[in-house]
């Protein structure tokens, strides 16, 4: 089973629960409709990876996301996450009204920085930034989300159980795009404008 790092400890999430279409500007850039209900899909533990890949049967797209670790039914820690997507396959599946998992839940489709405990942090003032090859491509603040992380927990609890160390990915701001081999990714989580987490990857 794959693990993520929380502080200095490796833990094993049973699943990653993802919220789609949670930033209006991202919905617009992909020409999607604003959904009437929360869009939810899952990634299995096997999707978690420390490596960033640019290709898996087709070229992959990146989506940077604020990601939370859940414990005792609450948000316990935060990380920078990358939701990797087979965009061509996803568009084909959407066009046929089929589920997205084949385009979202493949091996290596979820990459995370270290998780940092939320104790003492203002969760309402978290933001993310992604630079690729030293160019800023994505940034978003938690206030821009359609559904807050707490609202996500409440909605998910109506039909499923989030086990301790499961991960919640909260959607991506505008600026998604393709990954090229050798691209240098730098992901940052800020709290009240100050850097909380910084992680880097080079696309393989």
C-alpha atoms as a PDB file:
ATOM      1  CA  UNK A   1       0.000   0.000   0.000  1.00  0.00           C
ATOM      2  CA  UNK A   2       1.209   3.517  -0.812  1.00  0.00           C
ATOM      3  CA  UNK A   3       1.855   6.079   1.910  1.00  0.00           C
ATOM      4  CA  UNK A   4       2.034   9.852   2.418  1.00  0.00           C
ATOM      5  CA  UNK A   5       4.153  11.781   4.899  1.00  0.00           C
ATOM      6  CA  UNK A   6       2.414  13.561   7.782  1.00  0.00           C
ATOM      7  CA  UNK A   7       5.038  15.450   9.734  1.00  0.00           C
ATOM      8  CA  UNK A   8       7.732  12.791  10.132  1.00  0.00           C
ATOM      9  CA  UNK A   9       5.371   9.805   9.969  1.00  0.00           C
ATOM     10  CA  UNK A  10       4.299   7.758   6.957  1.00  0.00           C
ATOM     11  CA  UNK A  11       0.588   6.879   6.952  1.00  0.00           C
ATOM     12  CA  UNK A  12      -1.536   4.822   4.552  1.00  0.00           C
ATOM     13  CA  UNK A  13      -4.704   6.391   3.130  1.00  0.00           C
ATOM     14  CA  UNK A  14      -7.345   3.889   2.067  1.00  0.00           C
ATOM     15  CA  UNK A  15      -8.586   6.275  -0.634  1.00  0.00           C
ATOM     16  CA  UNK A  16      -8.459   9.781  -2.054  1.00  0.00           C
ATOM     17  CA  UNK A  17     -11.829  11.521  -2.421  1.00  0.00           C
ATOM     18  CA  UNK A  18     -11.818  14.297  -5.015  1.00  0.00           C
ATOM     19  CA  UNK A  19     -14.156  17.214  -5.589  1.00  0.00           C
ATOM     20  CA  UNK A  20     -14.425  18.346  -9.204  1.00  0.00           C
ATOM     21  CA  UNK A  21     -15.527  21.659 -10.704  1.00  0.00           C
ATOM     22  CA  UNK A  22     -15.064  23.626  -7.496  1.00  0.00           C
ATOM     23  CA  UNK A  23     -13.579  26.848  -8.938  1.00  0.00           C
ATOM     24  CA  UNK A  24     -15.779  28.819 -11.367  1.00  0.00           C
ATOM     25  CA  UNK A  25     -12.867  30.054 -13.505  1.00  0.00           C
ATOM     26  CA  UNK A  26     -11.612  26.476 -13.987  1.00  0.00           C
ATOM     27  CA  UNK A  27     -15.117  25.354 -14.973  1.00  0.00           C
ATOM     28  CA  UNK A  28     -15.146  28.125 -17.581  1.00  0.00           C
ATOM     29  CA  UNK A  29     -11.713  27.328 -19.014  1.00  0.00           C
ATOM     30  CA  UNK A  30     -12.818  23.739 -19.752  1.00  0.00           C
ATOM     31  CA  UNK A  31     -16.203  24.852 -21.120  1.00  0.00           C
ATOM     32  CA  UNK A  32     -18.097  22.900 -18.466  1.00  0.00           C
ATOM     33  CA  UNK A  33     -21.387  23.791 -16.836  1.00  0.00           C
ATOM     34  CA  UNK A  34     -21.512  24.871 -13.199  1.00  0.00           C
ATOM     35  CA  UNK A  35     -22.906  21.744 -11.490  1.00  0.00           C
ATOM     36  CA  UNK A  36     -26.103  21.741  -9.444  1.00  0.00           C
ATOM     37  CA  UNK A  37     -24.548  19.309  -6.960  1.00  0.00           C
ATOM     38  CA  UNK A  38     -21.071  18.599  -5.659  1.00  0.00           C
ATOM     39  CA  UNK A  39     -19.051  16.569  -8.184  1.00  0.00           C
ATOM     40  CA  UNK A  40     -17.285  13.676  -6.426  1.00  0.00           C
ATOM     41  CA  UNK A  41     -14.978  10.922  -7.653  1.00  0.00           C
ATOM     42  CA  UNK A  42     -12.457   8.639  -5.952  1.00  0.00           C
ATOM     43  CA  UNK A  43      -8.857   7.616  -6.507  1.00  0.00           C
ATOM     44  CA  UNK A  44      -7.670   4.347  -4.913  1.00  0.00           C
ATOM     45  CA  UNK A  45      -4.569   4.018  -2.767  1.00  0.00           C
ATOM     46  CA  UNK A  46      -2.769   2.621  -5.828  1.00  0.00           C
ATOM     47  CA  UNK A  47      -3.050   6.062  -7.503  1.00  0.00           C
ATOM     48  CA  UNK A  48      -0.780   7.678  -4.883  1.00  0.00           C
ATOM     49  CA  UNK A  49       2.807   8.266  -6.036  1.00  0.00           C
ATOM     50  CA  UNK A  50       5.924  10.233  -5.114  1.00  0.00           C
ATOM     51  CA  UNK A  51       6.857  10.537  -8.784  1.00  0.00           C
ATOM     52  CA  UNK A  52       5.369  12.984 -11.290  1.00  0.00           C
ATOM     53  CA  UNK A  53       4.801  11.390 -14.679  1.00  0.00           C
ATOM     54  CA  UNK A  54       3.999  13.130 -17.948  1.00  0.00           C
ATOM     55  CA  UNK A  55       2.549  10.125 -19.802  1.00  0.00           C
ATOM     56  CA  UNK A  56       0.289   7.170 -19.022  1.00  0.00           C
ATOM     57  CA  UNK A  57      -1.179   5.800 -22.272  1.00  0.00           C
ATOM     58  CA  UNK A  58      -1.584   9.473 -23.292  1.00  0.00           C
ATOM     59  CA  UNK A  59      -0.063  12.818 -22.312  1.00  0.00           C
ATOM     60  CA  UNK A  60      -1.185  13.853 -18.843  1.00  0.00           C
ATOM     61  CA  UNK A  61      -2.607  17.140 -17.567  1.00  0.00           C
ATOM     62  CA  UNK A  62      -1.812  18.625 -14.158  1.00  0.00           C
ATOM     63  CA  UNK A  63      -4.353  20.085 -11.706  1.00  0.00           C
ATOM     64  CA  UNK A  64      -2.980  21.579  -8.473  1.00  0.00           C
ATOM     65  CA  UNK A  65      -5.194  21.258  -5.397  1.00  0.00           C
ATOM     66  CA  UNK A  66      -5.340  22.018  -1.707  1.00  0.00           C
ATOM     67  CA  UNK A  67      -5.471  18.543  -0.169  1.00  0.00           C
ATOM     68  CA  UNK A  68      -6.489  17.584   3.351  1.00  0.00           C
ATOM     69  CA  UNK A  69      -5.866  14.537   5.511  1.00  0.00           C
ATOM     70  CA  UNK A  70      -8.880  13.418   7.532  1.00  0.00           C
ATOM     71  CA  UNK A  71      -8.754  12.045  11.076  1.00  0.00           C
ATOM     72  CA  UNK A  72     -11.616  11.472  13.511  1.00  0.00           C
ATOM     73  CA  UNK A  73     -13.996  12.888  10.932  1.00  0.00           C
ATOM     74  CA  UNK A  74     -12.266  16.259  10.732  1.00  0.00           C
ATOM     75  CA  UNK A  75      -9.657  17.982   8.601  1.00  0.00           C
ATOM     76  CA  UNK A  76      -6.368  17.331  10.388  1.00  0.00           C
ATOM     77  CA  UNK A  77      -3.555  18.278   7.986  1.00  0.00           C
ATOM     78  CA  UNK A  78      -2.997  20.024   4.653  1.00  0.00           C
ATOM     79  CA  UNK A  79      -0.736  19.404   1.660  1.00  0.00           C
ATOM     80  CA  UNK A  80      -0.136  20.483  -1.919  1.00  0.00           C
ATOM     81  CA  UNK A  81      -1.605  17.894  -4.271  1.00  0.00           C
ATOM     82  CA  UNK A  82      -1.476  17.194  -7.995  1.00  0.00           C
ATOM     83  CA  UNK A  83      -4.498  15.511  -9.573  1.00  0.00           C
ATOM     84  CA  UNK A  84      -3.219  14.059 -12.847  1.00  0.00           C
ATOM     85  CA  UNK A  85      -5.713  13.582 -15.647  1.00  0.00           C
ATOM     86  CA  UNK A  86      -5.945  11.855 -19.001  1.00  0.00           C
ATOM     87  CA  UNK A  87      -7.799  14.776 -20.554  1.00  0.00           C
ATOM     88  CA  UNK A  88      -8.437  13.168 -23.919  1.00  0.00           C
ATOM     89  CA  UNK A  89      -9.920  10.067 -22.324  1.00  0.00           C
ATOM     90  CA  UNK A  90     -11.875  12.146 -19.820  1.00  0.00           C
ATOM     91  CA  UNK A  91     -13.466  14.175 -22.615  1.00  0.00           C
ATOM     92  CA  UNK A  92     -14.422  10.982 -24.434  1.00  0.00           C
ATOM     93  CA  UNK A  93     -15.975   9.504 -21.295  1.00  0.00           C
ATOM     94  CA  UNK A  94     -17.848  12.715 -20.478  1.00  0.00           C
ATOM     95  CA  UNK A  95     -19.182  12.842 -24.019  1.00  0.00           C
ATOM     96  CA  UNK A  96     -20.659   9.369 -23.552  1.00  0.00           C
ATOM     97  CA  UNK A  97     -22.030  10.119 -20.083  1.00  0.00           C
ATOM     98  CA  UNK A  98     -19.650   7.583 -18.510  1.00  0.00           C
ATOM     99  CA  UNK A  99     -17.716   7.784 -15.195  1.00  0.00           C
ATOM    100  CA  UNK A 100     -14.308   9.507 -15.107  1.00  0.00           C
ATOM    101  CA  UNK A 101     -12.309   6.979 -13.094  1.00  0.00           C
ATOM    102  CA  UNK A 102     -10.371   5.552 -16.035  1.00  0.00           C
ATOM    103  CA  UNK A 103      -9.049   9.075 -16.683  1.00  0.00           C
ATOM    104  CA  UNK A 104      -8.483   9.988 -13.028  1.00  0.00           C
ATOM    105  CA  UNK A 105      -7.774   6.867 -10.947  1.00  0.00           C
ATOM    106  CA  UNK A 106      -4.835   5.268 -12.788  1.00  0.00           C
ATOM    107  CA  UNK A 107      -1.540   4.408 -11.064  1.00  0.00           C
ATOM    108  CA  UNK A 108       0.433   7.589 -10.320  1.00  0.00           C
ATOM    109  CA  UNK A 109      -2.561   9.927 -10.678  1.00  0.00           C
ATOM    110  CA  UNK A 110      -2.224  11.525  -7.215  1.00  0.00           C
ATOM    111  CA  UNK A 111       0.995  13.211  -6.090  1.00  0.00           C
ATOM    112  CA  UNK A 112       1.329  14.958  -2.716  1.00  0.00           C
ATOM    113  CA  UNK A 113       3.761  17.059  -0.748  1.00  0.00           C
ATOM    114  CA  UNK A 114       4.301  16.428   2.935  1.00  0.00           C
ATOM    115  CA  UNK A 115       1.168  17.050   5.034  1.00  0.00           C
ATOM    116  CA  UNK A 116       1.334  19.699   7.774  1.00  0.00           C
ATOM    117  CA  UNK A 117      -0.982  19.694  10.801  1.00  0.00           C
ATOM    118  CA  UNK A 118      -3.739  22.309  10.755  1.00  0.00           C
ATOM    119  CA  UNK A 119      -3.484  22.963  14.492  1.00  0.00           C
ATOM    120  CA  UNK A 120      -3.238  26.706  15.021  1.00  0.00           C
ATOM    121  CA  UNK A 121      -3.690  27.553  11.330  1.00  0.00           C
ATOM    122  CA  UNK A 122      -6.504  29.602   9.815  1.00  0.00           C
ATOM    123  CA  UNK A 123      -8.027  27.140   7.342  1.00  0.00           C
ATOM    124  CA  UNK A 124     -10.052  29.971   5.780  1.00  0.00           C
ATOM    125  CA  UNK A 125      -6.867  31.733   4.652  1.00  0.00           C
ATOM    126  CA  UNK A 126      -5.093  28.915   2.819  1.00  0.00           C
ATOM    127  CA  UNK A 127      -3.955  29.311  -0.789  1.00  0.00           C
ATOM    128  CA  UNK A 128      -1.907  27.406  -3.368  1.00  0.00           C
ATOM    129  CA  UNK A 129       0.513  28.329  -6.129  1.00  0.00           C
ATOM    130  CA  UNK A 130       2.045  26.193  -8.866  1.00  0.00           C
ATOM    131  CA  UNK A 131       5.002  27.208 -10.987  1.00  0.00           C
ATOM    132  CA  UNK A 132       6.348  25.171 -13.885  1.00  0.00           C
ATOM    133  CA  UNK A 133       9.874  25.932 -15.063  1.00  0.00           C
ATOM    134  CA  UNK A 134       9.769  29.058 -12.850  1.00  0.00           C
ATOM    135  CA  UNK A 135       6.581  30.400 -14.490  1.00  0.00           C
ATOM    136  CA  UNK A 136       3.476  30.834 -12.326  1.00  0.00           C
ATOM    137  CA  UNK A 137       0.649  28.829 -13.924  1.00  0.00           C
ATOM    138  CA  UNK A 138      -1.921  28.347 -11.148  1.00  0.00           C
ATOM    139  CA  UNK A 139      -2.925  30.106  -7.959  1.00  0.00           C
ATOM    140  CA  UNK A 140      -6.077  29.908  -5.909  1.00  0.00           C
ATOM    141  CA  UNK A 141      -7.448  30.846  -2.502  1.00  0.00           C
ATOM    142  CA  UNK A 142      -9.828  28.768  -0.425  1.00  0.00           C
ATOM    143  CA  UNK A 143     -12.337  31.636  -0.557  1.00  0.00           C
ATOM    144  CA  UNK A 144     -12.713  31.063  -4.331  1.00  0.00           C
ATOM    145  CA  UNK A 145     -14.112  27.565  -3.851  1.00  0.00           C
ATOM    146  CA  UNK A 146     -17.789  26.918  -4.557  1.00  0.00           C
ATOM    147  CA  UNK A 147     -17.847  24.344  -1.740  1.00  0.00           C
ATOM    148  CA  UNK A 148     -15.672  24.834   1.339  1.00  0.00           C
ATOM    149  CA  UNK A 149     -13.688  21.867   2.688  1.00  0.00           C
ATOM    150  CA  UNK A 150     -15.994  21.695   5.717  1.00  0.00           C
ATOM    151  CA  UNK A 151     -19.035  21.612   3.433  1.00  0.00           C
ATOM    152  CA  UNK A 152     -17.381  18.779   1.526  1.00  0.00           C
ATOM    153  CA  UNK A 153     -16.962  16.766   4.729  1.00  0.00           C
ATOM    154  CA  UNK A 154     -20.599  17.303   5.651  1.00  0.00           C
ATOM    155  CA  UNK A 155     -21.855  16.275   2.200  1.00  0.00           C
ATOM    156  CA  UNK A 156     -19.616  13.217   1.992  1.00  0.00           C
ATOM    157  CA  UNK A 157     -20.706  12.058   5.459  1.00  0.00           C
ATOM    158  CA  UNK A 158     -24.265  11.677   4.167  1.00  0.00           C
ATOM    159  CA  UNK A 159     -23.283   8.638   2.109  1.00  0.00           C
ATOM    160  CA  UNK A 160     -19.728   7.432   2.778  1.00  0.00           C
ATOM    161  CA  UNK A 161     -17.156   6.989   5.527  1.00  0.00           C
ATOM    162  CA  UNK A 162     -13.842   8.792   5.440  1.00  0.00           C
ATOM    163  CA  UNK A 163     -11.417   6.586   7.359  1.00  0.00           C
ATOM    164  CA  UNK A 164      -8.509   8.021   9.303  1.00  0.00           C
ATOM    165  CA  UNK A 165      -5.715   9.163   6.936  1.00  0.00           C
ATOM    166  CA  UNK A 166      -8.000   9.342   3.902  1.00  0.00           C
ATOM    167  CA  UNK A 167      -7.318  12.358   1.699  1.00  0.00           C
ATOM    168  CA  UNK A 168      -9.728  14.998   0.416  1.00  0.00           C
ATOM    169  CA  UNK A 169      -8.728  16.851  -2.769  1.00  0.00           C
ATOM    170  CA  UNK A 170     -10.706  20.065  -3.109  1.00  0.00           C
ATOM    171  CA  UNK A 171     -10.607  21.004  -6.797  1.00  0.00           C
ATOM    172  CA  UNK A 172      -8.280  23.062  -8.961  1.00  0.00           C
ATOM    173  CA  UNK A 173      -8.169  26.738  -9.927  1.00  0.00           C
ATOM    174  CA  UNK A 174      -7.796  27.857 -13.539  1.00  0.00           C
ATOM    175  CA  UNK A 175      -4.541  27.306 -15.387  1.00  0.00           C
ATOM    176  CA  UNK A 176      -4.461  23.526 -15.927  1.00  0.00           C
ATOM    177  CA  UNK A 177      -2.377  22.176 -18.774  1.00  0.00           C
ATOM    178  CA  UNK A 178      -0.167  19.426 -20.155  1.00  0.00           C
ATOM    179  CA  UNK A 179       2.966  18.000 -18.536  1.00  0.00           C
ATOM    180  CA  UNK A 180       6.155  17.648 -20.578  1.00  0.00           C
ATOM    181  CA  UNK A 181       9.052  15.383 -19.687  1.00  0.00           C
ATOM    182  CA  UNK A 182      11.641  17.311 -17.689  1.00  0.00           C
ATOM    183  CA  UNK A 183       9.216  20.024 -16.520  1.00  0.00           C
ATOM    184  CA  UNK A 184      10.159  21.355 -13.083  1.00  0.00           C
ATOM    185  CA  UNK A 185       7.126  21.730 -10.822  1.00  0.00           C
ATOM    186  CA  UNK A 186       7.136  23.803  -7.629  1.00  0.00           C
ATOM    187  CA  UNK A 187       4.007  23.614  -5.468  1.00  0.00           C
ATOM    188  CA  UNK A 188       3.401  26.001  -2.581  1.00  0.00           C
ATOM    189  CA  UNK A 189       0.728  26.160   0.116  1.00  0.00           C
ATOM    190  CA  UNK A 190       0.436  29.470   1.941  1.00  0.00           C
ATOM    191  CA  UNK A 191      -1.415  30.449   5.094  1.00  0.00           C
ATOM    192  CA  UNK A 192      -2.197  34.122   5.561  1.00  0.00           C
ATOM    193  CA  UNK A 193       0.187  34.864   2.695  1.00  0.00           C
ATOM    194  CA  UNK A 194       3.183  33.094   4.281  1.00  0.00           C
ATOM    195  CA  UNK A 195       4.672  29.906   2.816  1.00  0.00           C
ATOM    196  CA  UNK A 196       3.606  26.851   4.815  1.00  0.00           C
ATOM    197  CA  UNK A 197       4.628  24.055   2.427  1.00  0.00           C
ATOM    198  CA  UNK A 198       6.964  23.955  -0.547  1.00  0.00           C
ATOM    199  CA  UNK A 199       7.528  20.851  -2.678  1.00  0.00           C
ATOM    200  CA  UNK A 200       9.169  20.219  -6.041  1.00  0.00           C
ATOM    201  CA  UNK A 201       9.077  17.481  -8.670  1.00  0.00           C
ATOM    202  CA  UNK A 202      10.612  16.912 -12.090  1.00  0.00           C
ATOM    203  CA  UNK A 203       8.330  15.223 -14.588  1.00  0.00           C
ATOM    204  CA  UNK A 204       9.472  11.793 -15.736  1.00  0.00           C
END
